[in-house]
Amino acid sequence: MPFFPNPFQPARRPYSPEDRPTTRRGLARLVLRDHFFDLPPLNLLLAAVYAPALLWAVTGFFYILEAMGDDGGFQDLISLSKTSVLVFIPLGTLTGPAAGGMAAVTRDLARDRSRLPWFTFRTAVRSCWKRALVLSAATSLFPLLLWAALAFYVPSLGRLAAVPVGLTAALALLWLLALPTLYAMLVSYQGSLGTHVKTALALTLRHLPAVAGVRLLTCLPVLTALPAFWIGGRFLSAMLLVLCVYYLLFGFALSRLLWAFTANWLFESELAPCLQGGPAALEEG
């Protein structure tokens, strides 16, 4: 098996449809075993699309830390971060169509039905790029909303500012948790964007522990590297190198595959029983 197989060719599997797993866990193990090395080409596409926004966010973070120094205060943080959150809006907005197309590819991949992924990606982008841009634009506005809450409420209200800042942060977190399901709905079901948003938020709230657990799992590489910022030195450099290699080869695509497993589970358990012709639900376990 080549290390980088061509993901744009129909997959050939050494088993018949009757041998296909009937449980979600079995299907997930099969997909991760058979398709894991299909992820690097998809990951390179995602890395190229997200590179401008990620580079701006990372360089802005280190610039703010360096500019604040050891004696920087809250007002310095607010002043230095204003440009970063404003420029992030157009950079983040441009990622929407690719996120929608990749949601269609990973949806099929998570079901072991990946056939001609490039055609699936292109078709999904053509069909949903306008609504995907709306979603990515809304996502890109949340850093600005959080910045505004910190800038205008904290200096004037003091301790009372915890309420509006906390509400803004909670809304942003809920939106981020629902976003993978929302993109998957966008390329899987017909309906208005407002209906998709309400349904995705309702599914996320209904299964909040599971959805939050998957999101935490996808963030685990970054979370494990956080102590390196306090240790510094060569350890920090080594951890940053490991993170760069991981996300350059597998990280982005693997995260989306895990989100696709979750979105498919939500669709099959909640939506399929209500829709005729929906995907057949797999057994638990």
Protein backbone atom coordinates (compact mmCIF):
# COMPACT_ATOMS: atom_id res chain seq x y z
CA MET A 1 0.00 0.00 0.00
CA PRO A 2 1.59 3.35 -1.01
CA PHE A 3 2.16 5.88 1.71
CA PHE A 4 0.26 8.56 -0.22
CA PRO A 5 -2.45 6.76 -2.22
CA ASN A 6 -4.45 8.75 -4.72
CA PRO A 7 -7.60 9.90 -2.87
CA PHE A 8 -9.31 10.79 -6.13
CA GLN A 9 -9.60 7.17 -7.30
CA PRO A 10 -12.41 4.80 -6.25
CA ALA A 11 -11.39 2.83 -3.18
CA ARG A 12 -11.00 -0.94 -3.54
CA ARG A 13 -11.69 -2.97 -0.43
CA PRO A 14 -10.82 -6.68 0.07
CA TYR A 15 -14.22 -7.53 1.55
CA SER A 16 -17.78 -7.85 0.26
CA PRO A 17 -20.66 -5.58 1.36
CA GLU A 18 -21.90 -8.41 3.59
CA ASP A 19 -18.66 -8.17 5.60
CA ARG A 20 -19.14 -4.47 6.29
CA PRO A 21 -19.41 -3.68 10.02
CA THR A 22 -22.89 -3.06 11.37
CA THR A 23 -21.88 -1.05 14.46
CA ARG A 24 -20.53 2.47 14.67
CA ARG A 25 -17.41 1.45 16.55
CA GLY A 26 -16.66 -1.31 14.06
CA LEU A 27 -17.16 1.04 11.14
CA ALA A 28 -14.95 3.68 12.77
CA ARG A 29 -12.15 1.15 13.31
CA LEU A 30 -12.45 -0.04 9.71
CA VAL A 31 -12.38 3.50 8.30
CA LEU A 32 -9.41 4.56 10.40
CA ARG A 33 -7.53 1.38 9.43
CA ASP A 34 -8.30 1.43 5.72
CA HIS A 35 -8.48 5.18 5.05
CA PHE A 36 -5.95 6.69 7.44
CA PHE A 37 -3.33 7.16 4.75
CA ASP A 38 -5.92 8.73 2.47
CA LEU A 39 -5.92 11.71 4.83
CA PRO A 40 -2.59 13.44 3.96
CA PRO A 41 -3.68 14.68 0.49
CA LEU A 42 -6.94 15.97 1.94
CA ASN A 43 -5.02 17.51 4.83
CA LEU A 44 -2.69 19.38 2.46
CA LEU A 45 -5.72 20.94 0.77
CA LEU A 46 -7.13 22.04 4.13
CA ALA A 47 -3.75 23.34 5.28
CA ALA A 48 -3.42 25.45 2.13
CA VAL A 49 -6.91 26.92 2.59
CA TYR A 50 -6.51 27.67 6.30
CA ALA A 51 -2.86 28.78 6.11
CA PRO A 52 -3.49 32.58 5.82
CA ALA A 53 -5.90 32.68 8.78
CA LEU A 54 -3.73 30.39 10.92
CA LEU A 55 -0.51 32.24 10.17
CA TRP A 56 -2.16 35.55 10.98
CA ALA A 57 -3.58 34.20 14.26
CA VAL A 58 -0.28 32.61 15.37
CA THR A 59 1.96 35.52 14.41
CA GLY A 60 -0.51 37.96 15.96
CA PHE A 61 -0.50 35.96 19.20
CA PHE A 62 3.30 36.01 19.51
CA TYR A 63 3.46 39.67 18.44
CA ILE A 64 1.02 40.65 21.19
CA LEU A 65 2.94 38.66 23.79
CA GLU A 66 6.21 40.29 22.78
CA ALA A 67 4.75 43.81 22.57
CA MET A 68 3.09 43.56 25.99
CA GLY A 69 6.28 42.40 27.71
CA ASP A 70 6.33 41.64 31.42
CA ASP A 71 4.63 44.89 32.48
CA GLY A 72 1.76 44.90 29.97
CA GLY A 73 -1.78 45.30 31.23
CA PHE A 74 -5.34 44.70 30.11
CA GLN A 75 -5.58 47.92 28.12
CA ASP A 76 -2.39 47.01 26.23
CA LEU A 77 -3.91 43.65 25.33
CA ILE A 78 -7.11 45.27 24.04
CA SER A 79 -5.22 47.88 22.02
CA LEU A 80 -2.79 45.44 20.43
CA SER A 81 -5.40 42.82 19.56
CA LYS A 82 -7.83 45.10 17.73
CA THR A 83 -6.09 44.85 14.35
CA SER A 84 -5.70 41.09 14.70
CA VAL A 85 -9.41 40.40 15.19
CA LEU A 86 -10.39 42.79 12.37
CA VAL A 87 -8.04 41.29 9.78
CA PHE A 88 -9.05 37.77 10.83
CA ILE A 89 -12.63 38.36 9.58
CA PRO A 90 -11.90 38.28 5.81
CA LEU A 91 -9.24 35.59 6.22
CA GLY A 92 -11.60 33.33 8.15
CA THR A 93 -14.52 34.02 5.83
CA LEU A 94 -12.65 32.68 2.81
CA THR A 95 -12.35 29.22 4.41
CA GLY A 96 -16.10 28.55 4.27
CA PRO A 97 -16.49 26.90 0.83
CA ALA A 98 -13.56 24.53 1.45
CA ALA A 99 -15.01 23.61 4.86
CA GLY A 100 -18.32 22.74 3.20
CA GLY A 101 -16.67 20.66 0.49
CA MET A 102 -14.52 18.80 3.01
CA ALA A 103 -17.60 18.11 5.15
CA ALA A 104 -19.09 16.21 2.20
CA VAL A 105 -15.88 14.24 1.62
CA THR A 106 -15.40 13.25 5.27
CA ARG A 107 -19.12 12.45 5.61
CA ASP A 108 -18.74 9.80 2.91
CA LEU A 109 -15.35 8.72 4.22
CA ALA A 110 -16.76 8.16 7.72
CA ARG A 111 -19.36 5.83 6.19
CA ASP A 112 -16.76 3.97 4.12
CA ARG A 113 -18.54 5.18 1.00
CA SER A 114 -15.79 7.41 -0.31
CA ARG A 115 -15.87 7.29 -4.10
CA LEU A 116 -14.17 9.96 -6.20
CA PRO A 117 -13.63 12.42 -3.30
CA TRP A 118 -12.45 15.21 -5.59
CA PHE A 119 -15.75 15.08 -7.50
CA THR A 120 -17.65 15.10 -4.18
CA PHE A 121 -15.61 18.06 -2.94
CA ARG A 122 -16.11 20.07 -6.13
CA THR A 123 -19.83 19.33 -6.31
CA ALA A 124 -20.35 20.29 -2.65
CA VAL A 125 -18.44 23.56 -3.05
CA ARG A 126 -20.48 24.52 -6.09
CA SER A 127 -23.76 23.78 -4.35
CA CYS A 128 -23.15 25.43 -0.98
CA TRP A 129 -20.40 28.04 -1.36
CA LYS A 130 -22.69 31.04 -0.74
CA ARG A 131 -24.20 29.65 2.45
CA ALA A 132 -20.80 28.34 3.54
CA LEU A 133 -19.41 31.86 3.21
CA VAL A 134 -22.20 33.12 5.46
CA LEU A 135 -21.30 30.51 8.10
CA SER A 136 -17.58 31.23 7.96
CA ALA A 137 -18.23 34.98 8.10
CA ALA A 138 -20.38 34.51 11.21
CA THR A 139 -17.66 32.35 12.75
CA SER A 140 -15.01 34.96 12.00
CA LEU A 141 -17.06 37.64 13.76
CA PHE A 142 -16.97 35.91 17.15
CA PRO A 143 -13.38 37.01 18.00
CA LEU A 144 -14.49 40.60 17.30
CA LEU A 145 -17.60 40.20 19.47
CA LEU A 146 -15.52 38.81 22.32
CA TRP A 147 -13.00 41.62 21.89
CA ALA A 148 -15.83 44.19 21.98
CA ALA A 149 -17.28 42.64 25.13
CA LEU A 150 -13.89 42.81 26.83
CA ALA A 151 -13.14 46.33 25.60
CA PHE A 152 -16.45 48.00 26.47
CA TYR A 153 -17.80 46.09 29.46
CA VAL A 154 -14.74 45.24 31.54
CA PRO A 155 -13.46 48.83 32.08
CA SER A 156 -16.91 50.23 32.86
CA LEU A 157 -18.64 47.47 34.83
CA GLY A 158 -15.75 45.84 36.65
CA ARG A 159 -16.88 42.56 38.17
CA LEU A 160 -20.35 42.92 36.60
CA ALA A 161 -18.69 42.57 33.18
CA ALA A 162 -18.39 38.83 33.80
CA VAL A 163 -22.05 38.46 32.73
CA PRO A 164 -21.89 39.91 29.17
CA VAL A 165 -18.38 38.56 28.58
CA GLY A 166 -19.39 35.12 29.83
CA LEU A 167 -22.53 35.09 27.65
CA THR A 168 -20.52 36.09 24.59
CA ALA A 169 -17.92 33.41 25.28
CA ALA A 170 -20.62 30.76 25.88
CA LEU A 171 -22.37 31.68 22.62
CA ALA A 172 -19.09 31.49 20.72
CA LEU A 173 -18.28 28.11 22.27
CA LEU A 174 -21.72 26.72 21.42
CA TRP A 175 -21.37 27.95 17.84
CA LEU A 176 -17.96 26.30 17.47
CA LEU A 177 -19.32 23.02 18.85
CA ALA A 178 -22.25 23.07 16.41
CA LEU A 179 -20.26 24.24 13.38
CA PRO A 180 -19.03 20.81 12.13
CA THR A 181 -22.58 19.43 12.30
CA LEU A 182 -23.86 22.56 10.58
CA TYR A 183 -21.46 22.20 7.64
CA ALA A 184 -22.39 18.51 7.37
CA MET A 185 -26.09 19.40 7.31
CA LEU A 186 -25.41 21.99 4.65
CA VAL A 187 -24.12 19.34 2.22
CA SER A 188 -26.44 16.50 3.30
CA TYR A 189 -29.96 17.93 3.61
CA GLN A 190 -32.10 20.42 1.76
CA GLY A 191 -33.58 23.37 3.62
CA SER A 192 -32.99 26.99 4.49
CA LEU A 193 -29.84 28.10 6.25
CA GLY A 194 -31.86 29.24 9.25
CA THR A 195 -33.42 25.80 9.61
CA HIS A 196 -30.00 24.16 9.42
CA VAL A 197 -28.63 26.51 12.09
CA LYS A 198 -31.51 25.85 14.49
CA THR A 199 -31.34 22.10 13.92
CA ALA A 200 -27.56 21.92 14.38
CA LEU A 201 -27.70 23.98 17.58
CA ALA A 202 -30.54 21.80 18.90
CA LEU A 203 -28.63 18.59 18.14
CA THR A 204 -25.50 19.99 19.78
CA LEU A 205 -27.35 20.99 22.95
CA ARG A 206 -29.15 17.65 23.06
CA HIS A 207 -25.86 15.72 22.90
CA LEU A 208 -23.59 18.37 24.41
CA PRO A 209 -21.30 16.06 26.47
CA ALA A 210 -20.54 13.82 23.47
CA VAL A 211 -20.02 16.71 21.04
CA ALA A 212 -17.83 18.60 23.52
CA GLY A 213 -15.83 15.43 24.16
CA VAL A 214 -15.09 14.98 20.46
CA ARG A 215 -14.08 18.65 20.14
CA LEU A 216 -11.80 18.26 23.16
CA LEU A 217 -10.29 15.14 21.60
CA THR A 218 -9.46 17.02 18.39
CA CYS A 219 -7.81 19.78 20.46
CA LEU A 220 -5.76 17.32 22.51
CA PRO A 221 -2.47 17.81 20.57
CA VAL A 222 -2.59 21.56 21.21
CA LEU A 223 -3.62 21.12 24.85
CA THR A 224 -0.76 18.72 25.54
CA ALA A 225 1.67 21.27 24.08
CA LEU A 226 0.52 24.16 26.30
CA PRO A 227 2.97 23.38 29.15
CA ALA A 228 5.78 23.97 26.65
CA PHE A 229 4.99 27.70 26.68
CA TRP A 230 5.85 27.86 30.38
CA ILE A 231 8.93 25.67 30.04
CA GLY A 232 10.23 27.45 26.95
CA GLY A 233 13.63 26.89 25.40
CA ARG A 234 14.34 23.86 23.25
CA PHE A 235 11.33 22.01 24.62
CA LEU A 236 9.03 24.69 23.21
CA SER A 237 10.77 24.56 19.85
CA ALA A 238 10.48 20.76 19.74
CA MET A 239 6.78 20.80 20.63
CA LEU A 240 6.04 23.44 17.99
CA LEU A 241 7.87 21.34 15.40
CA VAL A 242 5.86 18.25 16.36
CA LEU A 243 2.60 20.20 16.14
CA CYS A 244 3.53 21.63 12.73
CA VAL A 245 4.35 18.19 11.33
CA TYR A 246 1.20 16.66 12.80
CA TYR A 247 -1.14 19.31 11.42
CA LEU A 248 0.67 19.47 8.10
CA LEU A 249 0.28 15.71 7.52
CA PHE A 250 -2.84 14.55 9.36
CA GLY A 251 -4.23 16.96 11.94
CA PHE A 252 -6.82 18.97 10.03
CA ALA A 253 -8.23 16.05 8.03
CA LEU A 254 -8.26 13.69 11.03
CA SER A 255 -10.18 16.26 13.09
CA ARG A 256 -12.77 16.60 10.36
CA LEU A 257 -13.07 12.84 10.07
CA LEU A 258 -13.81 12.61 13.80
CA TRP A 259 -16.36 15.40 13.45
CA ALA A 260 -17.91 13.51 10.52
CA PHE A 261 -18.29 10.39 12.69
CA THR A 262 -20.13 12.54 15.23
CA ALA A 263 -22.31 14.30 12.64
CA ASN A 264 -23.28 11.00 11.01
CA TRP A 265 -24.20 9.60 14.41
CA LEU A 266 -26.40 12.64 15.13
CA PHE A 267 -28.07 12.39 11.74
CA GLU A 268 -28.69 8.64 11.98
CA SER A 269 -29.99 8.73 15.54
CA GLU A 270 -32.02 11.96 15.40
CA LEU A 271 -32.88 12.89 11.81
CA ALA A 272 -32.99 9.62 9.86
CA PRO A 273 -36.05 8.26 11.73
CA CYS A 274 -37.94 11.44 10.80
CA LEU A 275 -36.92 11.55 7.11
CA GLN A 276 -37.85 9.09 4.43
CA GLY A 277 -34.86 7.79 2.54
CA GLY A 278 -32.40 8.94 5.18
CA PRO A 279 -29.24 6.99 6.02
CA ALA A 280 -29.86 3.75 7.85
CA ALA A 281 -28.88 3.91 11.49
CA LEU A 282 -26.10 1.63 12.67
CA GLU A 283 -26.29 -0.33 15.87
CA GLU A 284 -24.78 1.12 19.00
CA GLY A 285 -21.45 -0.26 20.12
